[in-house]
Amino acid sequence: MGDRETNNHSEVTDFILVGFRVRPELHILLFLLFLLVYAMILLGNVGMMTIIMTDSRLNTPMYFFLGNLSFIDLFYSSVIAPKAMVNFWSESKSISFAGCVTQFFLFVLFIVAEGFLLAVMAYDRFIAICNPLLYSVQMSARLCTQLVAGSYFCGCISSVLQTSVTFTLSFCGSRAIDHFYCDDRPLQRLSCSDLYFHNMVNFFLCSIIILPTIIVIIVSYMYIVSTVLKIRSTEGRKKAFSTCSSHLGVVSVLYGAVIFMYVTPDRFPELSKVASLCYTLVTPMLNPLIYSLRNKDVKEALRKILGKKILLFNSILTVI
């Protein structure tokens, strides 16, 4: 039995990404929608990183974390979107076994790293609001670097474990993955292996990733709300809440979509795909908009950069 399963597993050289079950004529519309969203992701996140790196006034822990958030959003959406767009025009919609492993590994790495980074950003806001006098001491450059590196490290360890237990399963049934990228639940449906160990590893990873990060975020904001309510001036409360509202919006969209996807029964795969869109493409698109539109420092830095570009352009026109 073991030999037969090993042989079945070794025969799998590629998978088929089914994608969205819609009429063929709608594929062009979906392609254009994906292209528009991905273009906004590239423009927004590259723009955010450029603004943070070029403006010395944004050389603070909060913007250091925000720059890394933009990098993560840009990277994991790039793991998903280009292949999904290619498949709208492809007849076979295939992805190689190695390509599926790579896509799965990179996506898990960066989505887990983002979860930890959002917890770090909540802790940063907690220190900034609850202990403002000690902020520069407690949130040193060394600690910020360690926290970001730790987020990537946790993402890497989690990805290695989850990728290992997923792609050592025997895939002896259909090769058709009912999704637009290589994800865990659709791959489980293709397996003829016993999923007990696989599910235990997933449960363990969720217990040490999702639960602790959510606890850090909730506890941080409990202290933040308690501190803000003690501020007597309305303007002071408004300013304090405005620094947190963007982060709360990002957290709500990401965790809300993830939780919705994983509590949706398997008999509704199309709902899972829609939920996946929220955190694979919609969240990376919205993050730069949320942080830039509600942040005076970012808007001022953007005006400064655009002002220089306009001045340079006018100078060139004058010379010509």
C-alpha atoms as a PDB file:
ATOM      1  CA  MET A   1       0.000   0.000   0.000  1.00  0.00           C
ATOM      2  CA  GLY A   2       2.807   2.389   0.928  1.00  0.00           C
ATOM      3  CA  ASP A   3       4.638   1.661  -2.354  1.00  0.00           C
ATOM      4  CA  ARG A   4       1.512   2.294  -4.376  1.00  0.00           C
ATOM      5  CA  GLU A   5       0.948   5.665  -2.665  1.00  0.00           C
ATOM      6  CA  THR A   6       4.565   6.647  -3.219  1.00  0.00           C
ATOM      7  CA  ASN A   7       4.276   5.804  -6.904  1.00  0.00           C
ATOM      8  CA  ASN A   8       1.051   7.773  -7.218  1.00  0.00           C
ATOM      9  CA  HIS A   9       2.708  10.738  -5.566  1.00  0.00           C
ATOM     10  CA  SER A  10       5.772  10.552  -7.806  1.00  0.00           C
ATOM     11  CA  GLU A  11       3.574  10.501 -10.939  1.00  0.00           C
ATOM     12  CA  VAL A  12       2.207  13.980 -10.178  1.00  0.00           C
ATOM     13  CA  THR A  13       4.258  16.395 -12.283  1.00  0.00           C
ATOM     14  CA  ASP A  14       1.744  19.215 -12.488  1.00  0.00           C
ATOM     15  CA  PHE A  15      -1.624  20.473 -11.284  1.00  0.00           C
ATOM     16  CA  ILE A  16      -4.500  22.300 -12.961  1.00  0.00           C
ATOM     17  CA  LEU A  17      -5.678  25.548 -11.367  1.00  0.00           C
ATOM     18  CA  VAL A  18      -9.421  25.551 -12.026  1.00  0.00           C
ATOM     19  CA  GLY A  19      -9.843  29.195 -11.012  1.00  0.00           C
ATOM     20  CA  PHE A  20     -13.296  30.793 -11.038  1.00  0.00           C
ATOM     21  CA  ARG A  21     -16.142  28.744 -12.456  1.00  0.00           C
ATOM     22  CA  VAL A  22     -17.605  31.403 -14.745  1.00  0.00           C
ATOM     23  CA  ARG A  23     -18.520  31.599 -18.408  1.00  0.00           C
ATOM     24  CA  PRO A  24     -15.506  31.868 -20.759  1.00  0.00           C
ATOM     25  CA  GLU A  25     -16.563  35.320 -21.977  1.00  0.00           C
ATOM     26  CA  LEU A  26     -16.168  36.638 -18.416  1.00  0.00           C
ATOM     27  CA  HIS A  27     -12.492  35.636 -18.309  1.00  0.00           C
ATOM     28  CA  ILE A  28     -11.530  38.830 -20.144  1.00  0.00           C
ATOM     29  CA  LEU A  29     -13.409  40.921 -17.580  1.00  0.00           C
ATOM     30  CA  LEU A  30     -11.743  39.052 -14.706  1.00  0.00           C
ATOM     31  CA  PHE A  31      -8.343  39.452 -16.363  1.00  0.00           C
ATOM     32  CA  LEU A  32      -8.838  43.212 -16.665  1.00  0.00           C
ATOM     33  CA  LEU A  33     -10.035  43.397 -13.055  1.00  0.00           C
ATOM     34  CA  PHE A  34      -7.004  41.452 -11.808  1.00  0.00           C
ATOM     35  CA  LEU A  35      -4.714  43.602 -13.974  1.00  0.00           C
ATOM     36  CA  LEU A  36      -6.181  46.830 -12.597  1.00  0.00           C
ATOM     37  CA  VAL A  37      -5.943  45.656  -8.985  1.00  0.00           C
ATOM     38  CA  TYR A  38      -2.383  44.346  -9.445  1.00  0.00           C
ATOM     39  CA  ALA A  39      -1.309  47.613 -11.109  1.00  0.00           C
ATOM     40  CA  MET A  40      -2.690  49.520  -8.108  1.00  0.00           C
ATOM     41  CA  ILE A  41      -0.835  47.149  -5.764  1.00  0.00           C
ATOM     42  CA  LEU A  42       2.448  47.802  -7.585  1.00  0.00           C
ATOM     43  CA  LEU A  43       1.915  51.557  -7.737  1.00  0.00           C
ATOM     44  CA  GLY A  44       0.704  51.901  -4.145  1.00  0.00           C
ATOM     45  CA  ASN A  45       3.233  49.694  -2.381  1.00  0.00           C
ATOM     46  CA  VAL A  46       6.283  50.707  -4.445  1.00  0.00           C
ATOM     47  CA  GLY A  47       5.204  54.314  -3.965  1.00  0.00           C
ATOM     48  CA  MET A  48       4.842  53.845  -0.215  1.00  0.00           C
ATOM     49  CA  MET A  49       8.291  52.261   0.098  1.00  0.00           C
ATOM     50  CA  THR A  50       9.814  55.031  -2.024  1.00  0.00           C
ATOM     51  CA  ILE A  51       8.236  57.770   0.088  1.00  0.00           C
ATOM     52  CA  ILE A  52       9.419  56.165   3.345  1.00  0.00           C
ATOM     53  CA  MET A  53      12.983  55.639   2.083  1.00  0.00           C
ATOM     54  CA  THR A  54      13.406  59.118   0.578  1.00  0.00           C
ATOM     55  CA  ASP A  55      11.884  61.306   3.305  1.00  0.00           C
ATOM     56  CA  SER A  56      14.052  61.629   6.413  1.00  0.00           C
ATOM     57  CA  ARG A  57      11.070  62.743   8.508  1.00  0.00           C
ATOM     58  CA  LEU A  58       9.615  59.248   8.130  1.00  0.00           C
ATOM     59  CA  ASN A  59      12.685  57.616   9.649  1.00  0.00           C
ATOM     60  CA  THR A  60      10.719  56.325  12.654  1.00  0.00           C
ATOM     61  CA  PRO A  61       9.755  52.829  13.890  1.00  0.00           C
ATOM     62  CA  MET A  62       6.157  53.156  12.681  1.00  0.00           C
ATOM     63  CA  TYR A  63       7.209  53.901   9.109  1.00  0.00           C
ATOM     64  CA  PHE A  64       9.947  51.270   9.224  1.00  0.00           C
ATOM     65  CA  PHE A  65       7.234  48.704   9.978  1.00  0.00           C
ATOM     66  CA  LEU A  66       4.929  50.224   7.358  1.00  0.00           C
ATOM     67  CA  GLY A  67       7.665  49.961   4.719  1.00  0.00           C
ATOM     68  CA  ASN A  68       8.081  46.274   5.498  1.00  0.00           C
ATOM     69  CA  LEU A  69       4.299  45.807   5.363  1.00  0.00           C
ATOM     70  CA  SER A  70       4.301  47.289   1.851  1.00  0.00           C
ATOM     71  CA  PHE A  71       7.159  44.976   0.844  1.00  0.00           C
ATOM     72  CA  ILE A  72       5.280  41.915   2.123  1.00  0.00           C
ATOM     73  CA  ASP A  73       2.035  42.972   0.415  1.00  0.00           C
ATOM     74  CA  LEU A  74       3.866  43.553  -2.853  1.00  0.00           C
ATOM     75  CA  PHE A  75       5.668  40.229  -2.721  1.00  0.00           C
ATOM     76  CA  TYR A  76       2.876  37.830  -1.779  1.00  0.00           C
ATOM     77  CA  SER A  77       0.400  39.412  -4.202  1.00  0.00           C
ATOM     78  CA  SER A  78       3.067  38.993  -6.914  1.00  0.00           C
ATOM     79  CA  VAL A  79       3.228  35.295  -6.049  1.00  0.00           C
ATOM     80  CA  ILE A  80      -0.499  34.957  -6.841  1.00  0.00           C
ATOM     81  CA  ALA A  81      -1.674  37.577  -9.348  1.00  0.00           C
ATOM     82  CA  PRO A  82       0.583  37.049 -12.420  1.00  0.00           C
ATOM     83  CA  LYS A  83      -0.099  33.299 -12.604  1.00  0.00           C
ATOM     84  CA  ALA A  84      -3.831  33.872 -12.101  1.00  0.00           C
ATOM     85  CA  MET A  85      -3.869  36.401 -14.963  1.00  0.00           C
ATOM     86  CA  VAL A  86      -1.950  34.059 -17.278  1.00  0.00           C
ATOM     87  CA  ASN A  87      -4.483  31.299 -16.565  1.00  0.00           C
ATOM     88  CA  PHE A  88      -7.366  33.477 -17.775  1.00  0.00           C
ATOM     89  CA  TRP A  89      -5.843  33.152 -21.269  1.00  0.00           C
ATOM     90  CA  SER A  90      -4.507  29.608 -20.940  1.00  0.00           C
ATOM     91  CA  GLU A  91      -6.359  26.538 -22.133  1.00  0.00           C
ATOM     92  CA  SER A  92      -4.492  24.089 -19.892  1.00  0.00           C
ATOM     93  CA  LYS A  93      -4.349  26.312 -16.745  1.00  0.00           C
ATOM     94  CA  SER A  94      -1.546  24.055 -15.519  1.00  0.00           C
ATOM     95  CA  ILE A  95       1.135  24.732 -12.930  1.00  0.00           C
ATOM     96  CA  SER A  96       4.124  22.448 -12.425  1.00  0.00           C
ATOM     97  CA  PHE A  97       4.521  20.523  -9.192  1.00  0.00           C
ATOM     98  CA  ALA A  98       7.648  22.568  -8.377  1.00  0.00           C
ATOM     99  CA  GLY A  99       5.809  25.790  -9.263  1.00  0.00           C
ATOM    100  CA  CYS A 100       2.933  24.863  -6.978  1.00  0.00           C
ATOM    101  CA  VAL A 101       5.335  24.089  -4.117  1.00  0.00           C
ATOM    102  CA  THR A 102       7.149  27.400  -4.651  1.00  0.00           C
ATOM    103  CA  GLN A 103       3.929  29.413  -4.803  1.00  0.00           C
ATOM    104  CA  PHE A 104       2.571  27.717  -1.682  1.00  0.00           C
ATOM    105  CA  PHE A 105       5.846  28.173   0.239  1.00  0.00           C
ATOM    106  CA  LEU A 106       6.280  31.865  -0.586  1.00  0.00           C
ATOM    107  CA  PHE A 107       2.642  32.731   0.030  1.00  0.00           C
ATOM    108  CA  VAL A 108       2.579  31.067   3.464  1.00  0.00           C
ATOM    109  CA  LEU A 109       5.917  32.674   4.374  1.00  0.00           C
ATOM    110  CA  PHE A 110       4.751  36.211   3.644  1.00  0.00           C
ATOM    111  CA  ILE A 111       1.165  35.929   4.879  1.00  0.00           C
ATOM    112  CA  VAL A 112       2.398  34.567   8.243  1.00  0.00           C
ATOM    113  CA  ALA A 113       5.094  37.257   8.386  1.00  0.00           C
ATOM    114  CA  GLU A 114       2.375  39.866   7.814  1.00  0.00           C
ATOM    115  CA  GLY A 115       0.350  38.486  10.729  1.00  0.00           C
ATOM    116  CA  PHE A 116       3.321  38.838  13.076  1.00  0.00           C
ATOM    117  CA  LEU A 117       4.204  42.261  11.659  1.00  0.00           C
ATOM    118  CA  LEU A 118       0.674  43.536  12.328  1.00  0.00           C
ATOM    119  CA  ALA A 119       1.055  42.382  15.940  1.00  0.00           C
ATOM    120  CA  VAL A 120       4.388  44.229  16.124  1.00  0.00           C
ATOM    121  CA  MET A 121       2.728  47.370  14.758  1.00  0.00           C
ATOM    122  CA  ALA A 122      -0.004  47.106  17.415  1.00  0.00           C
ATOM    123  CA  TYR A 123       2.704  46.858  20.096  1.00  0.00           C
ATOM    124  CA  ASP A 124       4.437  49.892  18.564  1.00  0.00           C
ATOM    125  CA  ARG A 125       1.234  51.941  18.813  1.00  0.00           C
ATOM    126  CA  PHE A 126       0.755  50.744  22.406  1.00  0.00           C
ATOM    127  CA  ILE A 127       4.198  52.051  23.396  1.00  0.00           C
ATOM    128  CA  ALA A 128       3.720  55.310  21.455  1.00  0.00           C
ATOM    129  CA  ILE A 129       0.387  56.131  23.135  1.00  0.00           C
ATOM    130  CA  CYS A 130       0.710  54.553  26.571  1.00  0.00           C
ATOM    131  CA  ASN A 131       4.421  55.323  27.190  1.00  0.00           C
ATOM    132  CA  PRO A 132       5.258  58.249  24.882  1.00  0.00           C
ATOM    133  CA  LEU A 133       8.191  59.504  26.983  1.00  0.00           C
ATOM    134  CA  LEU A 134       9.938  56.121  26.748  1.00  0.00           C
ATOM    135  CA  TYR A 135       9.017  55.473  23.123  1.00  0.00           C
ATOM    136  CA  SER A 136      12.359  56.365  21.539  1.00  0.00           C
ATOM    137  CA  VAL A 137      14.202  54.325  24.170  1.00  0.00           C
ATOM    138  CA  GLN A 138      12.018  51.222  24.100  1.00  0.00           C
ATOM    139  CA  MET A 139      11.505  51.140  20.321  1.00  0.00           C
ATOM    140  CA  SER A 140      15.185  51.368  19.420  1.00  0.00           C
ATOM    141  CA  ALA A 141      16.444  50.728  15.902  1.00  0.00           C
ATOM    142  CA  ARG A 142      17.959  47.445  17.054  1.00  0.00           C
ATOM    143  CA  LEU A 143      14.695  46.208  18.599  1.00  0.00           C
ATOM    144  CA  CYS A 144      12.696  47.231  15.499  1.00  0.00           C
ATOM    145  CA  THR A 145      15.087  45.311  13.258  1.00  0.00           C
ATOM    146  CA  GLN A 146      14.885  42.263  15.537  1.00  0.00           C
ATOM    147  CA  LEU A 147      11.062  42.367  15.564  1.00  0.00           C
ATOM    148  CA  VAL A 148      10.856  42.548  11.763  1.00  0.00           C
ATOM    149  CA  ALA A 149      13.502  39.841  11.323  1.00  0.00           C
ATOM    150  CA  GLY A 150      11.594  37.695  13.830  1.00  0.00           C
ATOM    151  CA  SER A 151       8.401  38.125  11.787  1.00  0.00           C
ATOM    152  CA  TYR A 152      10.148  36.871   8.637  1.00  0.00           C
ATOM    153  CA  PHE A 153      11.812  34.040  10.570  1.00  0.00           C
ATOM    154  CA  CYS A 154       8.476  32.849  12.012  1.00  0.00           C
ATOM    155  CA  GLY A 155       6.975  33.027   8.540  1.00  0.00           C
ATOM    156  CA  CYS A 156       9.828  30.958   7.131  1.00  0.00           C
ATOM    157  CA  ILE A 157       9.618  28.256   9.831  1.00  0.00           C
ATOM    158  CA  SER A 158       5.848  28.044   9.484  1.00  0.00           C
ATOM    159  CA  SER A 159       6.111  27.824   5.710  1.00  0.00           C
ATOM    160  CA  VAL A 160       8.727  25.062   5.820  1.00  0.00           C
ATOM    161  CA  LEU A 161       6.544  22.978   8.155  1.00  0.00           C
ATOM    162  CA  GLN A 162       3.274  23.522   6.290  1.00  0.00           C
ATOM    163  CA  THR A 163       4.819  23.007   2.858  1.00  0.00           C
ATOM    164  CA  SER A 164       6.513  19.821   4.019  1.00  0.00           C
ATOM    165  CA  VAL A 165       3.376  18.198   5.441  1.00  0.00           C
ATOM    166  CA  THR A 166       1.254  19.290   2.454  1.00  0.00           C
ATOM    167  CA  PHE A 167       3.469  18.136  -0.391  1.00  0.00           C
ATOM    168  CA  THR A 168       4.445  14.836   1.190  1.00  0.00           C
ATOM    169  CA  LEU A 169       0.792  13.802   0.851  1.00  0.00           C
ATOM    170  CA  SER A 170      -0.093  11.298  -1.871  1.00  0.00           C
ATOM    171  CA  PHE A 171      -2.074  12.877  -4.697  1.00  0.00           C
ATOM    172  CA  CYS A 172      -3.644   9.888  -6.404  1.00  0.00           C
ATOM    173  CA  GLY A 173      -6.906  11.419  -7.563  1.00  0.00           C
ATOM    174  CA  SER A 174      -7.657  14.392  -9.789  1.00  0.00           C
ATOM    175  CA  ARG A 175      -4.954  16.968 -10.516  1.00  0.00           C
ATOM    176  CA  ALA A 176      -7.501  19.806 -10.639  1.00  0.00           C
ATOM    177  CA  ILE A 177      -7.069  22.297  -7.774  1.00  0.00           C
ATOM    178  CA  ASP A 178     -10.408  24.059  -7.294  1.00  0.00           C
ATOM    179  CA  HIS A 179      -8.821  27.458  -6.688  1.00  0.00           C
ATOM    180  CA  PHE A 180      -6.891  30.189  -8.516  1.00  0.00           C
ATOM    181  CA  TYR A 181      -3.647  29.418  -6.640  1.00  0.00           C
ATOM    182  CA  CYS A 182      -2.103  26.509  -4.721  1.00  0.00           C
ATOM    183  CA  ASP A 183      -3.771  26.575  -1.313  1.00  0.00           C
ATOM    184  CA  ASP A 184      -3.934  24.042   1.500  1.00  0.00           C
ATOM    185  CA  ARG A 185      -7.625  23.100   1.580  1.00  0.00           C
ATOM    186  CA  PRO A 186      -8.027  22.463  -2.178  1.00  0.00           C
ATOM    187  CA  LEU A 187      -4.842  20.356  -2.105  1.00  0.00           C
ATOM    188  CA  GLN A 188      -6.222  18.302   0.795  1.00  0.00           C
ATOM    189  CA  ARG A 189      -9.230  17.383  -1.356  1.00  0.00           C
ATOM    190  CA  LEU A 190      -6.899  15.827  -3.937  1.00  0.00           C
ATOM    191  CA  SER A 191      -5.066  13.668  -1.419  1.00  0.00           C
ATOM    192  CA  CYS A 192      -5.739  10.016  -0.677  1.00  0.00           C
ATOM    193  CA  SER A 193      -3.457  10.050   2.380  1.00  0.00           C
ATOM    194  CA  ASP A 194      -4.517  10.008   6.009  1.00  0.00           C
ATOM    195  CA  LEU A 195      -4.830  13.709   6.899  1.00  0.00           C
ATOM    196  CA  TYR A 196      -4.647  13.290  10.686  1.00  0.00           C
ATOM    197  CA  PHE A 197      -0.974  14.319  11.035  1.00  0.00           C
ATOM    198  CA  HIS A 198      -1.402  17.064   8.451  1.00  0.00           C
ATOM    199  CA  ASN A 199      -4.392  18.515  10.322  1.00  0.00           C
ATOM    200  CA  MET A 200      -2.584  18.293  13.658  1.00  0.00           C
ATOM    201  CA  VAL A 201       0.358  20.274  12.260  1.00  0.00           C
ATOM    202  CA  ASN A 202      -2.028  22.888  10.846  1.00  0.00           C
ATOM    203  CA  PHE A 203      -3.842  23.142  14.166  1.00  0.00           C
ATOM    204  CA  PHE A 204      -0.519  23.537  15.986  1.00  0.00           C
ATOM    205  CA  LEU A 205       0.626  26.268  13.597  1.00  0.00           C
ATOM    206  CA  CYS A 206      -2.666  28.133  13.940  1.00  0.00           C
ATOM    207  CA  SER A 207      -2.367  27.896  17.720  1.00  0.00           C
ATOM    208  CA  ILE A 208       1.090  29.473  17.774  1.00  0.00           C
ATOM    209  CA  ILE A 209       0.515  31.988  14.953  1.00  0.00           C
ATOM    210  CA  ILE A 210      -3.054  33.282  14.785  1.00  0.00           C
ATOM    211  CA  LEU A 211      -3.924  33.061  18.477  1.00  0.00           C
ATOM    212  CA  PRO A 212      -0.832  34.863  19.894  1.00  0.00           C
ATOM    213  CA  THR A 213      -0.916  37.615  17.252  1.00  0.00           C
ATOM    214  CA  ILE A 214      -4.614  38.270  17.848  1.00  0.00           C
ATOM    215  CA  ILE A 215      -4.035  38.326  21.632  1.00  0.00           C
ATOM    216  CA  VAL A 216      -1.176  40.852  21.254  1.00  0.00           C
ATOM    217  CA  ILE A 217      -3.340  43.066  19.037  1.00  0.00           C
ATOM    218  CA  ILE A 218      -6.402  42.885  21.328  1.00  0.00           C
ATOM    219  CA  VAL A 219      -4.453  43.475  24.558  1.00  0.00           C
ATOM    220  CA  SER A 220      -2.500  46.359  22.969  1.00  0.00           C
ATOM    221  CA  TYR A 221      -5.692  48.075  21.878  1.00  0.00           C
ATOM    222  CA  MET A 222      -7.367  47.499  25.235  1.00  0.00           C
ATOM    223  CA  TYR A 223      -4.548  49.474  26.866  1.00  0.00           C
ATOM    224  CA  ILE A 224      -4.632  52.066  24.067  1.00  0.00           C
ATOM    225  CA  VAL A 225      -8.387  52.664  24.435  1.00  0.00           C
ATOM    226  CA  SER A 226      -8.044  52.858  28.209  1.00  0.00           C
ATOM    227  CA  THR A 227      -5.267  55.462  27.881  1.00  0.00           C
ATOM    228  CA  VAL A 228      -7.018  57.512  25.201  1.00  0.00           C
ATOM    229  CA  LEU A 229     -10.232  57.731  27.224  1.00  0.00           C
ATOM    230  CA  LYS A 230      -8.218  59.375  30.014  1.00  0.00           C
ATOM    231  CA  ILE A 231      -7.133  62.195  27.688  1.00  0.00           C
ATOM    232  CA  ARG A 232      -9.228  65.230  28.531  1.00  0.00           C
ATOM    233  CA  SER A 233      -9.055  67.177  25.280  1.00  0.00           C
ATOM    234  CA  THR A 234     -11.198  66.070  22.341  1.00  0.00           C
ATOM    235  CA  GLU A 235      -8.416  66.999  19.922  1.00  0.00           C
ATOM    236  CA  GLY A 236      -5.952  64.823  21.824  1.00  0.00           C
ATOM    237  CA  ARG A 237      -8.301  61.828  21.708  1.00  0.00           C
ATOM    238  CA  LYS A 238      -8.935  62.335  18.006  1.00  0.00           C
ATOM    239  CA  LYS A 239      -5.212  62.491  17.243  1.00  0.00           C
ATOM    240  CA  ALA A 240      -4.484  59.377  19.283  1.00  0.00           C
ATOM    241  CA  PHE A 241      -7.274  57.361  17.658  1.00  0.00           C
ATOM    242  CA  SER A 242      -6.297  58.530  14.168  1.00  0.00           C
ATOM    243  CA  THR A 243      -2.858  56.928  14.543  1.00  0.00           C
ATOM    244  CA  CYS A 244      -4.521  53.568  15.246  1.00  0.00           C
ATOM    245  CA  SER A 245      -7.552  53.557  12.960  1.00  0.00           C
ATOM    246  CA  SER A 246      -5.541  52.717   9.836  1.00  0.00           C
ATOM    247  CA  HIS A 247      -3.893  49.744  11.512  1.00  0.00           C
ATOM    248  CA  LEU A 248      -7.221  48.510  12.874  1.00  0.00           C
ATOM    249  CA  GLY A 249      -8.760  48.709   9.421  1.00  0.00           C
ATOM    250  CA  VAL A 250      -5.958  46.608   7.900  1.00  0.00           C
ATOM    251  CA  VAL A 251      -6.163  44.025  10.702  1.00  0.00           C
ATOM    252  CA  SER A 252      -9.942  43.740  10.380  1.00  0.00           C
ATOM    253  CA  VAL A 253      -9.853  43.139   6.617  1.00  0.00           C
ATOM    254  CA  LEU A 254      -7.011  40.594   6.745  1.00  0.00           C
ATOM    255  CA  TYR A 255      -8.143  38.515   9.724  1.00  0.00           C
ATOM    256  CA  GLY A 256     -11.811  38.807   8.794  1.00  0.00           C
ATOM    257  CA  ALA A 257     -11.141  37.368   5.326  1.00  0.00           C
ATOM    258  CA  VAL A 258      -8.869  34.591   6.632  1.00  0.00           C
ATOM    259  CA  ILE A 259     -11.314  33.511   9.331  1.00  0.00           C
ATOM    260  CA  PHE A 260     -14.255  33.641   6.917  1.00  0.00           C
ATOM    261  CA  MET A 261     -12.409  31.503   4.370  1.00  0.00           C
ATOM    262  CA  TYR A 262     -11.450  28.791   6.835  1.00  0.00           C
ATOM    263  CA  VAL A 263     -14.866  28.572   8.502  1.00  0.00           C
ATOM    264  CA  THR A 264     -16.649  28.364   5.135  1.00  0.00           C
ATOM    265  CA  PRO A 265     -17.711  24.734   4.523  1.00  0.00           C
ATOM    266  CA  ASP A 266     -15.976  22.827   1.705  1.00  0.00           C
ATOM    267  CA  ARG A 267     -19.249  22.627  -0.192  1.00  0.00           C
ATOM    268  CA  PHE A 268     -18.971  26.385  -0.954  1.00  0.00           C
ATOM    269  CA  PRO A 269     -15.580  26.631  -2.727  1.00  0.00           C
ATOM    270  CA  GLU A 270     -16.566  29.758  -4.675  1.00  0.00           C
ATOM    271  CA  LEU A 271     -17.113  31.661  -1.408  1.00  0.00           C
ATOM    272  CA  SER A 272     -13.644  30.614  -0.283  1.00  0.00           C
ATOM    273  CA  LYS A 273     -12.201  31.995  -3.511  1.00  0.00           C
ATOM    274  CA  VAL A 274     -13.912  35.344  -2.973  1.00  0.00           C
ATOM    275  CA  ALA A 275     -12.611  35.480   0.613  1.00  0.00           C
ATOM    276  CA  SER A 276      -9.131  34.598  -0.669  1.00  0.00           C
ATOM    277  CA  LEU A 277      -9.302  37.557  -3.036  1.00  0.00           C
ATOM    278  CA  CYS A 278      -9.736  39.852  -0.036  1.00  0.00           C
ATOM    279  CA  TYR A 279      -6.392  39.015   1.531  1.00  0.00           C
ATOM    280  CA  THR A 280      -4.398  38.081  -1.587  1.00  0.00           C
ATOM    281  CA  LEU A 281      -5.251  41.147  -3.690  1.00  0.00           C
ATOM    282  CA  VAL A 282      -7.743  43.520  -2.052  1.00  0.00           C
ATOM    283  CA  THR A 283      -5.822  43.978   1.225  1.00  0.00           C
ATOM    284  CA  PRO A 284      -2.452  44.685  -0.496  1.00  0.00           C
ATOM    285  CA  MET A 285      -4.261  47.201  -2.718  1.00  0.00           C
ATOM    286  CA  LEU A 286      -6.030  48.955   0.169  1.00  0.00           C
ATOM    287  CA  ASN A 287      -3.147  49.104   2.670  1.00  0.00           C
ATOM    288  CA  PRO A 288      -1.215  51.952   0.967  1.00  0.00           C
ATOM    289  CA  LEU A 289      -4.457  53.868   0.420  1.00  0.00           C
ATOM    290  CA  ILE A 290      -5.565  53.448   4.036  1.00  0.00           C
ATOM    291  CA  TYR A 291      -2.203  54.545   5.450  1.00  0.00           C
ATOM    292  CA  SER A 292      -1.640  57.407   3.005  1.00  0.00           C
ATOM    293  CA  LEU A 293      -5.113  58.943   3.029  1.00  0.00           C
ATOM    294  CA  ARG A 294      -5.291  58.988   6.833  1.00  0.00           C
ATOM    295  CA  ASN A 295      -1.698  60.023   7.491  1.00  0.00           C
ATOM    296  CA  LYS A 296      -0.618  63.662   7.348  1.00  0.00           C
ATOM    297  CA  ASP A 297       3.112  62.824   7.308  1.00  0.00           C
ATOM    298  CA  VAL A 298       2.773  60.514   4.296  1.00  0.00           C
ATOM    299  CA  LYS A 299       0.592  63.000   2.414  1.00  0.00           C
ATOM    300  CA  GLU A 300       3.077  65.799   3.127  1.00  0.00           C
ATOM    301  CA  ALA A 301       5.992  63.640   1.960  1.00  0.00           C
ATOM    302  CA  LEU A 302       4.067  62.746  -1.209  1.00  0.00           C
ATOM    303  CA  ARG A 303       3.365  66.435  -1.924  1.00  0.00           C
ATOM    304  CA  LYS A 304       7.056  67.165  -1.438  1.00  0.00           C
ATOM    305  CA  ILE A 305       8.119  64.462  -3.914  1.00  0.00           C
ATOM    306  CA  LEU A 306       5.486  65.488  -6.471  1.00  0.00           C
ATOM    307  CA  GLY A 307       6.510  69.144  -6.050  1.00  0.00           C
ATOM    308  CA  LYS A 308      10.122  68.273  -6.874  1.00  0.00           C
ATOM    309  CA  LYS A 309       9.044  66.268  -9.923  1.00  0.00           C
ATOM    310  CA  ILE A 310       6.883  69.135 -11.203  1.00  0.00           C
ATOM    311  CA  LEU A 311       9.701  71.642 -10.598  1.00  0.00           C
ATOM    312  CA  LEU A 312      12.153  69.394 -12.477  1.00  0.00           C
ATOM    313  CA  PHE A 313       9.707  68.943 -15.354  1.00  0.00           C
ATOM    314  CA  ASN A 314       9.155  72.716 -15.599  1.00  0.00           C
ATOM    315  CA  SER A 315      12.922  73.281 -15.604  1.00  0.00           C
ATOM    316  CA  ILE A 316      13.353  70.832 -18.481  1.00  0.00           C
ATOM    317  CA  LEU A 317      10.575  72.540 -20.452  1.00  0.00           C
ATOM    318  CA  THR A 318      12.215  75.925 -19.842  1.00  0.00           C
ATOM    319  CA  VAL A 319      15.564  74.671 -21.164  1.00  0.00           C
ATOM    320  CA  ILE A 320      13.911  73.146 -24.225  1.00  0.00           C
END
